[in-house]
Amino acid sequence: MDKHYSPLQDYAHEYGDGMPVLIFTLAPTGVGQVSDLLTCLAKFDENVSLEATPHNLRLSSLNQSKTAHAAFSLDTSTFFLKYHFSLNARETTRNEPKAWACKVLNKALLSIFRKRLADGRDKETALERLEFELEAGTDQTECRLVFKLVCKYGVVKTYRLYYESGEALHASFDRQASANYWTVASRTLRDVVEYFGPKTDQLDWFFQDGRVTFTSYTEKIQSGREILKQPMHTSVALERKDFNDVKVQEGLHIGIIVKDFRSIVAHAETMRAQVTARYSQGNRPMQISYESGGANAEFTLMTRATSESASSSVTRNSTPARNLSVQAASVARERQGRPEDAGSSQPASQMRPPPARSLREQMRKVPTISRGSSRESPPPPSASINPDSLFIPADDDDRHWDEPNFDIEPEDIVTWDHTSASTSLRKIQDTESEYFPIDSLGNASGFHQIEPTQRLSQVKGLFD
């Protein structure tokens, strides 16, 4: 008998030399943890990359926009009951630095790693262990991922999944250059996320005056019944004492996608772990990591820098009526400071008397017959009306827009003007002549006035 014989040689004879070997066994609690991390990865992409090394098994996903990368590393010594990996079945004692990777549909794995399998209350179908074996051969059509669910009373459920060979992607992140970091309990972050709505788009946080402020932004929505005409933001502040450790540059703003952050916090809460975020500055990658029970999670996210001109942009995008009111106030203050307006503010006792007007100007401006104009200019708007108010003031009645009622409204009356300087002379002119400039009448040689021969009270109409 060969002294170097190993049971894995039977596997090598069956599938050929030089084929990778991957075998591991999971406890029911491990199956539940894998189900949770697969649920988290499903929120990033529909595919999962499996990467096996002698020291760990890595599951990762990259979203479609390539702005978020999620990876879980399962330690072989603490997470698994049994674990063995080798690229060459004959050389099982060597620790090859290379790895074997493939890609599988997340939905297919979730159908195997179901959360209820970890629940031991159903004793009839309780899961005892999960056994995994890689069937790799020279013919790719025969390659399978074999999962065996060993249940109570000798019941065994076997699943064979196809996989796609390939290399797993790794996100690049420099921890040495990331001087800003904070560590907080996952439960604290869960309380913060609960304040953000389901339609929230972006999340920004910064450290100022001994507290970290998380602000979520929601863009305007005009689809279906959900209408939000203006952007909305919600801010939640955490004191420094709420963090286990914090070292952050004061005033530095970092922005990420709320959907990614909510997925991370939801999974971290299932592990009851301490969450650590590391970053350098905006528009540079940041990493959120936590570990518990042999499972190490690392999320590399692309960040967005928040410019300091955000406040100025809010001013530019403010309500036009509010801008106009501010301009009107500034113009009023400028007018008060002008020297020509200073004389108008003097008391009446110090003002000079008005200059004497000529007889021609008095006769032109004082009409003999005063007749109410049928085209009166509309009254100026009341100063008490608030342009931003939702209610209509009481004086703006609907009766203004009704048909005219000649029985109630006063009629135009022709009367004598007793303020005229002369009762025997009267000028007949158009009521709109007072709007003409004085210079237009200055070149006239004189007025031809006609003395009245009959009073208006003696004139009879056609039907009198």
Protein backbone atom coordinates (compact mmCIF):
# COMPACT_ATOMS: atom_id res chain seq x y z
CA MET A 1 0.00 0.00 0.00
CA ASP A 2 1.29 3.42 -0.88
CA LYS A 3 2.22 5.33 2.23
CA HIS A 4 1.14 8.62 0.58
CA TYR A 5 -2.33 7.29 -0.22
CA SER A 6 -5.23 9.63 0.56
CA PRO A 7 -8.98 9.16 0.13
CA LEU A 8 -8.90 12.11 -2.25
CA GLN A 9 -7.03 9.94 -4.72
CA ASP A 10 -10.28 8.11 -5.43
CA TYR A 11 -11.73 11.49 -6.35
CA ALA A 12 -8.73 12.15 -8.59
CA HIS A 13 -9.10 8.82 -10.40
CA GLU A 14 -12.76 9.54 -11.03
CA TYR A 15 -12.50 13.09 -12.38
CA GLY A 16 -8.89 13.15 -13.63
CA ASP A 17 -5.61 14.52 -12.35
CA GLY A 18 -5.05 18.25 -12.04
CA MET A 19 -8.73 19.07 -11.39
CA PRO A 20 -9.60 21.32 -8.41
CA VAL A 21 -10.96 19.71 -5.27
CA LEU A 22 -13.37 21.56 -2.99
CA ILE A 23 -15.23 19.86 -0.15
CA PHE A 24 -16.83 21.44 2.93
CA THR A 25 -19.52 20.75 5.52
CA LEU A 26 -21.77 23.31 7.21
CA ALA A 27 -23.80 23.19 10.40
CA PRO A 28 -27.45 24.37 10.42
CA THR A 29 -26.41 27.72 11.95
CA GLY A 30 -23.92 28.20 9.13
CA VAL A 31 -26.64 27.51 6.57
CA GLY A 32 -28.73 30.31 8.10
CA GLN A 33 -25.80 32.74 7.97
CA VAL A 34 -25.13 31.91 4.32
CA SER A 35 -28.81 32.53 3.59
CA ASP A 36 -28.56 36.01 5.15
CA LEU A 37 -25.46 36.99 3.20
CA LEU A 38 -26.95 35.70 -0.06
CA THR A 39 -30.00 37.87 0.58
CA CYS A 40 -27.71 40.85 1.05
CA LEU A 41 -25.76 40.09 -2.13
CA ALA A 42 -29.00 39.79 -4.10
CA LYS A 43 -29.58 43.53 -3.56
CA PHE A 44 -26.39 44.29 -5.49
CA ASP A 45 -26.47 41.82 -8.40
CA GLU A 46 -28.25 38.68 -9.56
CA ASN A 47 -24.98 36.72 -9.86
CA VAL A 48 -22.62 35.55 -7.12
CA SER A 49 -18.93 34.85 -7.59
CA LEU A 50 -17.48 31.95 -5.57
CA GLU A 51 -13.75 31.97 -4.92
CA ALA A 52 -12.12 29.12 -3.01
CA THR A 53 -8.66 29.24 -1.42
CA PRO A 54 -7.04 26.99 1.18
CA HIS A 55 -7.81 29.56 3.88
CA ASN A 56 -11.27 30.91 3.08
CA LEU A 57 -14.30 30.76 0.82
CA ARG A 58 -15.24 34.10 -0.69
CA LEU A 59 -18.65 35.16 -2.04
CA SER A 60 -18.92 38.51 -3.83
CA SER A 61 -21.14 40.59 -6.13
CA LEU A 62 -20.67 43.76 -8.19
CA ASN A 63 -23.63 45.96 -9.11
CA GLN A 64 -24.45 46.87 -12.71
CA SER A 65 -23.15 50.45 -12.46
CA LYS A 66 -19.90 49.19 -10.87
CA THR A 67 -20.18 51.66 -8.00
CA ALA A 68 -20.62 49.11 -5.18
CA HIS A 69 -18.80 45.85 -4.50
CA ALA A 70 -19.88 43.45 -1.73
CA ALA A 71 -17.75 40.54 -0.52
CA PHE A 72 -18.02 37.98 2.31
CA SER A 73 -15.03 35.88 3.38
CA LEU A 74 -15.82 32.71 5.34
CA ASP A 75 -12.95 31.47 7.48
CA THR A 76 -12.21 27.77 7.00
CA SER A 77 -11.22 27.09 10.62
CA THR A 78 -14.19 28.67 12.42
CA PHE A 79 -17.11 28.87 10.00
CA PHE A 80 -17.06 25.32 8.57
CA LEU A 81 -17.22 21.94 10.26
CA LYS A 82 -14.95 20.51 7.55
CA TYR A 83 -13.17 22.23 4.69
CA HIS A 84 -10.64 21.13 2.08
CA PHE A 85 -9.46 22.79 -1.12
CA SER A 86 -6.71 21.82 -3.54
CA LEU A 87 -6.02 22.60 -7.15
CA ASN A 88 -4.24 19.25 -7.61
CA ALA A 89 -5.72 16.15 -6.03
CA ARG A 90 -2.31 14.43 -5.74
CA GLU A 91 -0.66 17.34 -3.95
CA THR A 92 -3.06 17.89 -1.08
CA THR A 93 -0.40 18.92 1.41
CA ARG A 94 0.70 22.00 -0.49
CA ASN A 95 -0.84 25.42 0.12
CA GLU A 96 -1.21 26.75 -3.38
CA PRO A 97 -1.51 30.53 -3.53
CA LYS A 98 -3.84 30.25 -6.52
CA ALA A 99 -7.62 30.10 -6.22
CA TRP A 100 -10.52 28.58 -8.07
CA ALA A 101 -13.49 30.79 -8.97
CA CYS A 102 -16.86 30.45 -10.65
CA LYS A 103 -20.12 32.36 -11.06
CA VAL A 104 -23.59 31.13 -10.06
CA LEU A 105 -27.08 32.63 -10.06
CA ASN A 106 -27.97 33.97 -6.65
CA LYS A 107 -31.57 32.80 -6.99
CA ALA A 108 -30.40 29.21 -7.43
CA LEU A 109 -28.32 29.34 -4.25
CA LEU A 110 -31.14 30.92 -2.25
CA SER A 111 -33.40 28.01 -3.17
CA ILE A 112 -30.92 25.72 -1.37
CA PHE A 113 -29.79 27.89 1.55
CA ARG A 114 -33.20 28.63 2.95
CA LYS A 115 -33.54 30.42 6.24
CA ARG A 116 -36.06 27.99 7.68
CA LEU A 117 -33.57 25.11 7.40
CA ALA A 118 -31.62 26.60 10.28
CA ASP A 119 -34.74 26.56 12.46
CA GLY A 120 -34.75 23.37 14.50
CA ARG A 121 -38.36 23.66 15.68
CA ASP A 122 -39.58 21.41 12.86
CA LYS A 123 -38.04 18.21 14.18
CA GLU A 124 -39.49 16.01 11.47
CA THR A 125 -37.49 17.72 8.70
CA ALA A 126 -34.74 19.26 10.80
CA LEU A 127 -31.43 19.78 9.01
CA GLU A 128 -28.40 18.06 10.50
CA ARG A 129 -25.69 19.28 8.12
CA LEU A 130 -24.99 20.46 4.58
CA GLU A 131 -22.31 18.78 2.49
CA PHE A 132 -20.79 20.39 -0.58
CA GLU A 133 -18.66 18.78 -3.27
CA LEU A 134 -17.25 20.18 -6.50
CA GLU A 135 -17.60 17.87 -9.49
CA ALA A 136 -15.04 19.21 -11.95
CA GLY A 137 -13.89 17.34 -15.02
CA THR A 138 -12.28 17.83 -18.37
CA ASP A 139 -15.70 18.03 -19.98
CA GLN A 140 -17.29 21.29 -18.86
CA THR A 141 -20.78 19.93 -19.48
CA GLU A 142 -20.23 17.49 -16.62
CA CYS A 143 -19.10 20.12 -14.08
CA ARG A 144 -21.50 20.61 -11.22
CA LEU A 145 -21.80 22.12 -7.76
CA VAL A 146 -23.33 19.37 -5.64
CA PHE A 147 -25.17 20.30 -2.42
CA LYS A 148 -26.48 17.58 -0.12
CA LEU A 149 -28.90 18.45 2.67
CA VAL A 150 -28.71 15.67 5.25
CA CYS A 151 -31.89 15.81 7.32
CA LYS A 152 -33.27 13.75 10.18
CA TYR A 153 -34.28 10.09 9.71
CA GLY A 154 -31.76 9.68 6.90
CA VAL A 155 -33.49 12.02 4.42
CA VAL A 156 -30.98 13.44 1.92
CA LYS A 157 -31.82 16.16 -0.61
CA THR A 158 -29.34 16.61 -3.45
CA TYR A 159 -29.01 19.68 -5.68
CA ARG A 160 -26.72 19.93 -8.72
CA LEU A 161 -26.12 23.40 -10.11
CA TYR A 162 -24.40 24.52 -13.26
CA TYR A 163 -21.74 27.20 -12.89
CA GLU A 164 -19.74 29.49 -15.14
CA SER A 165 -15.97 29.39 -14.84
CA GLY A 166 -14.16 32.69 -14.50
CA GLU A 167 -12.15 34.97 -12.26
CA ALA A 168 -13.65 36.79 -9.30
CA LEU A 169 -13.24 40.57 -9.20
CA HIS A 170 -11.63 42.28 -6.20
CA ALA A 171 -12.24 45.91 -5.29
CA SER A 172 -9.13 48.03 -4.80
CA PHE A 173 -9.00 49.97 -1.54
CA ASP A 174 -6.03 51.57 0.25
CA ARG A 175 -6.51 51.43 4.01
CA GLN A 176 -3.27 53.28 4.72
CA ALA A 177 -4.48 56.35 2.83
CA SER A 178 -7.90 56.29 4.51
CA ALA A 179 -7.27 58.29 7.67
CA ASN A 180 -10.96 58.95 8.45
CA TYR A 181 -12.89 56.18 10.17
CA TRP A 182 -15.65 55.59 12.69
CA THR A 183 -17.00 52.48 14.44
CA VAL A 184 -20.56 52.17 15.73
CA ALA A 185 -22.98 49.40 16.66
CA SER A 186 -25.22 48.08 13.90
CA ARG A 187 -28.31 48.69 16.03
CA THR A 188 -27.49 52.40 16.21
CA LEU A 189 -27.23 52.59 12.43
CA ARG A 190 -30.50 50.72 12.08
CA ASP A 191 -32.22 53.40 14.15
CA VAL A 192 -30.75 56.05 11.85
CA VAL A 193 -31.85 54.29 8.65
CA GLU A 194 -35.44 53.99 9.89
CA TYR A 195 -35.87 57.76 9.45
CA PHE A 196 -35.10 57.59 5.73
CA GLY A 197 -38.02 57.03 3.37
CA PRO A 198 -38.18 54.28 0.74
CA LYS A 199 -37.79 56.83 -2.08
CA THR A 200 -34.63 58.35 -0.63
CA ASP A 201 -31.85 58.62 -3.20
CA GLN A 202 -28.63 59.83 -1.59
CA LEU A 203 -27.06 59.95 1.85
CA ASP A 204 -24.54 62.49 3.12
CA TRP A 205 -22.74 62.59 6.46
CA PHE A 206 -20.23 64.91 8.07
CA PHE A 207 -18.67 65.52 11.48
CA GLN A 208 -19.21 68.94 13.06
CA ASP A 209 -19.25 70.21 16.68
CA GLY A 210 -18.81 66.78 18.24
CA ARG A 211 -21.58 65.01 16.32
CA VAL A 212 -22.00 63.10 13.08
CA THR A 213 -24.99 64.21 11.01
CA PHE A 214 -26.59 61.84 8.49
CA THR A 215 -28.70 63.63 5.87
CA SER A 216 -30.82 61.85 3.25
CA TYR A 217 -31.93 63.59 0.06
CA THR A 218 -35.02 62.80 -2.01
CA GLU A 219 -35.38 64.17 -5.54
CA LYS A 220 -38.73 65.49 -6.75
CA ILE A 221 -41.22 62.81 -7.80
CA GLN A 222 -43.98 63.29 -10.37
CA SER A 223 -45.05 59.78 -11.29
CA GLY A 224 -48.53 58.42 -10.73
CA ARG A 225 -50.12 59.42 -7.46
CA GLU A 226 -46.80 60.16 -5.78
CA ILE A 227 -46.08 63.84 -6.34
CA LEU A 228 -43.22 65.64 -4.60
CA LYS A 229 -42.64 68.98 -6.31
CA GLN A 230 -39.64 70.04 -4.24
CA PRO A 231 -36.61 68.02 -3.04
CA MET A 232 -36.78 66.93 0.58
CA HIS A 233 -34.03 66.01 3.05
CA THR A 234 -34.01 64.40 6.50
CA SER A 235 -31.15 64.83 8.98
CA VAL A 236 -30.31 62.59 11.94
CA ALA A 237 -27.43 63.46 14.28
CA LEU A 238 -25.43 61.08 16.48
CA GLU A 239 -23.37 62.28 19.41
CA ARG A 240 -19.73 61.35 19.74
CA LYS A 241 -20.53 59.14 22.71
CA ASP A 242 -22.72 56.93 20.49
CA PHE A 243 -19.62 55.76 18.60
CA ASN A 244 -17.12 53.24 19.88
CA ASP A 245 -14.34 55.01 18.02
CA VAL A 246 -14.32 58.02 15.71
CA LYS A 247 -11.53 59.88 13.95
CA VAL A 248 -12.92 62.05 11.19
CA GLN A 249 -11.88 65.33 9.64
CA GLU A 250 -14.29 68.01 10.77
CA GLY A 251 -16.52 69.44 8.07
CA LEU A 252 -15.72 66.74 5.49
CA HIS A 253 -18.86 65.68 3.58
CA ILE A 254 -19.21 62.18 2.13
CA GLY A 255 -22.15 61.09 -0.04
CA ILE A 256 -23.24 57.56 -1.00
CA ILE A 257 -26.37 55.79 -2.26
CA VAL A 258 -28.96 55.16 0.47
CA LYS A 259 -30.05 51.84 -1.06
CA ASP A 260 -26.57 50.36 -0.63
CA PHE A 261 -26.19 51.70 2.90
CA ARG A 262 -29.59 50.32 3.93
CA SER A 263 -28.69 46.85 2.61
CA ILE A 264 -25.42 46.87 4.55
CA VAL A 265 -27.03 47.95 7.80
CA ALA A 266 -29.81 45.35 7.46
CA HIS A 267 -27.31 42.49 7.19
CA ALA A 268 -25.02 43.86 9.90
CA GLU A 269 -27.97 43.89 12.28
CA THR A 270 -28.51 40.15 11.72
CA MET A 271 -24.93 39.54 12.85
CA ARG A 272 -25.08 42.02 15.78
CA ALA A 273 -21.70 43.34 14.68
CA GLN A 274 -19.74 46.57 15.08
CA VAL A 275 -19.65 48.45 11.77
CA THR A 276 -16.50 50.34 10.73
CA ALA A 277 -16.37 52.86 7.87
CA ARG A 278 -13.05 54.03 6.39
CA TYR A 279 -12.59 56.75 3.78
CA SER A 280 -10.20 59.50 2.74
CA GLN A 281 -12.23 62.16 0.92
CA GLY A 282 -15.12 62.61 -1.46
CA ASN A 283 -15.04 61.02 -4.92
CA ARG A 284 -12.72 58.35 -3.52
CA PRO A 285 -13.67 54.76 -2.53
CA MET A 286 -14.77 54.04 1.00
CA GLN A 287 -15.06 50.69 2.75
CA ILE A 288 -17.60 49.50 5.31
CA SER A 289 -16.59 46.32 7.12
CA TYR A 290 -17.66 44.11 10.03
CA GLU A 291 -17.10 40.53 11.14
CA SER A 292 -18.68 37.98 13.42
CA GLY A 293 -18.51 34.19 13.82
CA GLY A 294 -15.85 33.63 11.17
CA ALA A 295 -17.66 35.71 8.51
CA ASN A 296 -15.92 38.89 7.39
CA ALA A 297 -17.92 41.41 5.32
CA GLU A 298 -16.35 44.15 3.20
CA PHE A 299 -18.33 46.65 1.12
CA THR A 300 -16.42 49.02 -1.16
CA LEU A 301 -18.55 51.96 -2.28
CA MET A 302 -17.93 54.91 -4.54
CA THR A 303 -18.51 58.24 -2.78
CA ARG A 304 -19.58 61.67 -3.92
CA ALA A 305 -18.12 64.92 -2.62
CA THR A 306 -20.63 67.51 -1.40
CA SER A 307 -19.48 71.00 -2.39
CA GLU A 308 -19.70 73.90 0.01
CA SER A 309 -21.81 75.78 -2.52
CA ALA A 310 -24.89 73.80 -1.56
CA SER A 311 -26.23 76.71 0.46
CA SER A 312 -25.80 79.11 -2.43
CA SER A 313 -27.63 76.74 -4.76
CA VAL A 314 -30.54 76.65 -2.34
CA THR A 315 -30.68 80.44 -2.49
CA ARG A 316 -30.69 80.39 -6.27
CA ASN A 317 -33.45 77.77 -6.34
CA SER A 318 -35.64 79.51 -3.77
CA THR A 319 -39.15 80.80 -4.41
CA PRO A 320 -39.25 83.74 -6.90
CA ALA A 321 -41.74 85.68 -4.77
CA ARG A 322 -39.36 85.52 -1.83
CA ASN A 323 -36.52 86.85 -3.97
CA LEU A 324 -38.66 89.69 -5.17
CA SER A 325 -39.59 90.68 -1.64
CA VAL A 326 -35.93 90.84 -0.67
CA GLN A 327 -35.13 92.99 -3.68
CA ALA A 328 -37.98 95.33 -2.90
CA ALA A 329 -36.74 95.83 0.65
CA SER A 330 -33.22 96.58 -0.54
CA VAL A 331 -34.49 99.09 -3.10
CA ALA A 332 -36.55 100.79 -0.41
CA ARG A 333 -33.49 101.15 1.82
CA GLU A 334 -31.54 102.64 -1.08
CA ARG A 335 -34.26 105.16 -1.75
CA GLN A 336 -34.29 106.23 1.88
CA GLY A 337 -30.60 107.07 1.64
CA ARG A 338 -30.91 109.25 -1.47
CA PRO A 339 -30.55 113.01 -0.92
CA GLU A 340 -33.50 113.92 -3.18
CA ASP A 341 -35.85 111.93 -0.96
CA ALA A 342 -34.64 113.65 2.17
CA GLY A 343 -36.75 116.72 1.51
CA SER A 344 -39.93 114.70 1.33
CA SER A 345 -39.45 113.54 4.91
CA GLN A 346 -39.36 117.10 6.37
CA PRO A 347 -42.30 118.25 8.48
CA ALA A 348 -45.05 120.33 6.92
CA SER A 349 -44.09 123.49 8.85
CA GLN A 350 -40.62 123.59 7.26
CA MET A 351 -41.73 122.90 3.69
CA ARG A 352 -41.86 125.75 1.24
CA PRO A 353 -45.26 126.85 -0.08
CA PRO A 354 -46.18 125.57 -3.51
CA PRO A 355 -45.46 127.95 -6.40
CA ALA A 356 -48.32 130.00 -7.70
CA ARG A 357 -49.98 128.58 -10.75
CA SER A 358 -51.01 130.61 -13.75
CA LEU A 359 -54.64 131.23 -14.57
CA ARG A 360 -54.32 129.28 -17.79
CA GLU A 361 -53.01 126.22 -15.94
CA GLN A 362 -55.76 126.47 -13.31
CA MET A 363 -58.45 126.75 -15.94
CA ARG A 364 -56.99 123.79 -17.83
CA LYS A 365 -56.71 121.50 -14.79
CA VAL A 366 -60.04 122.35 -13.12
CA PRO A 367 -62.91 120.86 -15.11
CA THR A 368 -66.26 122.53 -15.09
CA ILE A 369 -68.20 119.31 -15.49
CA SER A 370 -67.15 116.34 -13.36
CA ARG A 371 -68.31 113.03 -14.68
CA GLY A 372 -67.42 109.66 -13.23
CA SER A 373 -65.23 107.69 -15.61
CA SER A 374 -66.65 104.38 -16.70
CA ARG A 375 -63.14 102.92 -17.04
CA GLU A 376 -61.69 103.14 -13.60
CA SER A 377 -58.24 101.64 -12.94
CA PRO A 378 -58.26 98.61 -10.66
CA PRO A 379 -57.35 99.28 -7.02
CA PRO A 380 -53.82 98.42 -5.97
CA PRO A 381 -53.36 95.09 -4.24
CA SER A 382 -53.64 95.09 -0.52
CA ALA A 383 -50.35 94.96 1.36
CA SER A 384 -51.79 92.49 3.84
CA ILE A 385 -52.20 89.80 1.17
CA ASN A 386 -49.61 87.10 1.54
CA PRO A 387 -48.57 85.78 -1.90
CA ASP A 388 -47.57 82.42 -0.37
CA SER A 389 -50.88 81.98 1.48
CA LEU A 390 -53.23 79.16 0.55
CA PHE A 391 -56.37 81.15 1.50
CA ILE A 392 -58.16 83.96 -0.35
CA PRO A 393 -58.87 87.09 1.76
CA ALA A 394 -62.46 87.93 2.56
CA ASP A 395 -62.49 91.21 0.61
CA ASP A 396 -61.84 89.32 -2.64
CA ASP A 397 -65.45 88.32 -3.08
CA ASP A 398 -66.88 86.48 -6.02
CA ARG A 399 -69.41 89.28 -6.48
CA HIS A 400 -66.73 91.30 -8.23
CA TRP A 401 -66.95 88.89 -11.14
CA ASP A 402 -70.77 88.78 -11.39
CA GLU A 403 -72.79 90.56 -14.07
CA PRO A 404 -73.34 94.25 -13.36
CA ASN A 405 -76.60 95.19 -11.63
CA PHE A 406 -77.64 98.67 -12.74
CA ASP A 407 -80.38 98.88 -10.11
CA ILE A 408 -77.90 98.75 -7.26
CA GLU A 409 -74.78 100.34 -8.72
CA PRO A 410 -74.72 104.17 -8.84
CA GLU A 411 -75.16 105.90 -12.20
CA ASP A 412 -73.08 108.71 -13.63
CA ILE A 413 -74.53 112.09 -12.62
CA VAL A 414 -73.88 115.42 -14.29
CA THR A 415 -73.46 118.16 -11.66
CA TRP A 416 -72.09 121.65 -11.35
CA ASP A 417 -68.53 122.16 -10.18
CA HIS A 418 -68.74 124.78 -7.41
CA THR A 419 -64.95 124.83 -6.98
CA SER A 420 -64.52 126.70 -10.24
CA ALA A 421 -63.07 130.20 -9.92
CA SER A 422 -65.78 131.76 -12.09
CA THR A 423 -69.41 130.73 -12.13
CA SER A 424 -70.11 132.47 -15.39
CA LEU A 425 -67.26 130.92 -17.37
CA ARG A 426 -66.96 127.26 -17.93
CA LYS A 427 -64.56 125.22 -20.12
CA ILE A 428 -65.78 122.25 -22.08
CA GLN A 429 -63.02 119.69 -22.55
CA ASP A 430 -62.39 115.98 -22.68
CA THR A 431 -61.94 114.26 -19.35
CA GLU A 432 -58.74 112.66 -20.59
CA SER A 433 -57.12 115.96 -21.59
CA GLU A 434 -55.44 116.26 -18.21
CA TYR A 435 -53.10 113.45 -19.18
CA PHE A 436 -51.55 115.48 -21.98
CA PRO A 437 -48.31 117.28 -21.11
CA ILE A 438 -48.34 121.00 -20.44
CA ASP A 439 -45.89 121.70 -23.22
CA SER A 440 -48.38 120.49 -25.81
CA LEU A 441 -50.69 123.42 -24.88
CA GLY A 442 -47.99 125.97 -24.29
CA ASN A 443 -47.69 126.91 -27.94
CA ALA A 444 -51.39 127.73 -28.25
CA SER A 445 -52.14 131.45 -28.58
CA GLY A 446 -55.19 131.34 -26.34
CA PHE A 447 -58.53 129.75 -25.54
CA HIS A 448 -61.81 130.75 -27.21
CA GLN A 449 -64.33 130.63 -24.39
CA ILE A 450 -68.07 130.73 -25.05
CA GLU A 451 -70.44 132.06 -22.43
CA PRO A 452 -73.28 129.63 -21.65
CA THR A 453 -76.68 130.72 -22.95
CA GLN A 454 -78.79 128.09 -21.17
CA ARG A 455 -78.49 126.09 -18.00
CA LEU A 456 -78.44 122.32 -18.13
CA SER A 457 -81.50 122.13 -15.87
CA GLN A 458 -83.53 123.84 -18.58
CA VAL A 459 -82.53 121.32 -21.26
CA LYS A 460 -85.23 118.73 -21.90
CA GLY A 461 -84.63 115.35 -23.41
CA LEU A 462 -86.52 113.64 -26.14
CA PHE A 463 -88.75 111.78 -23.69
CA ASP A 464 -89.37 114.59 -21.16
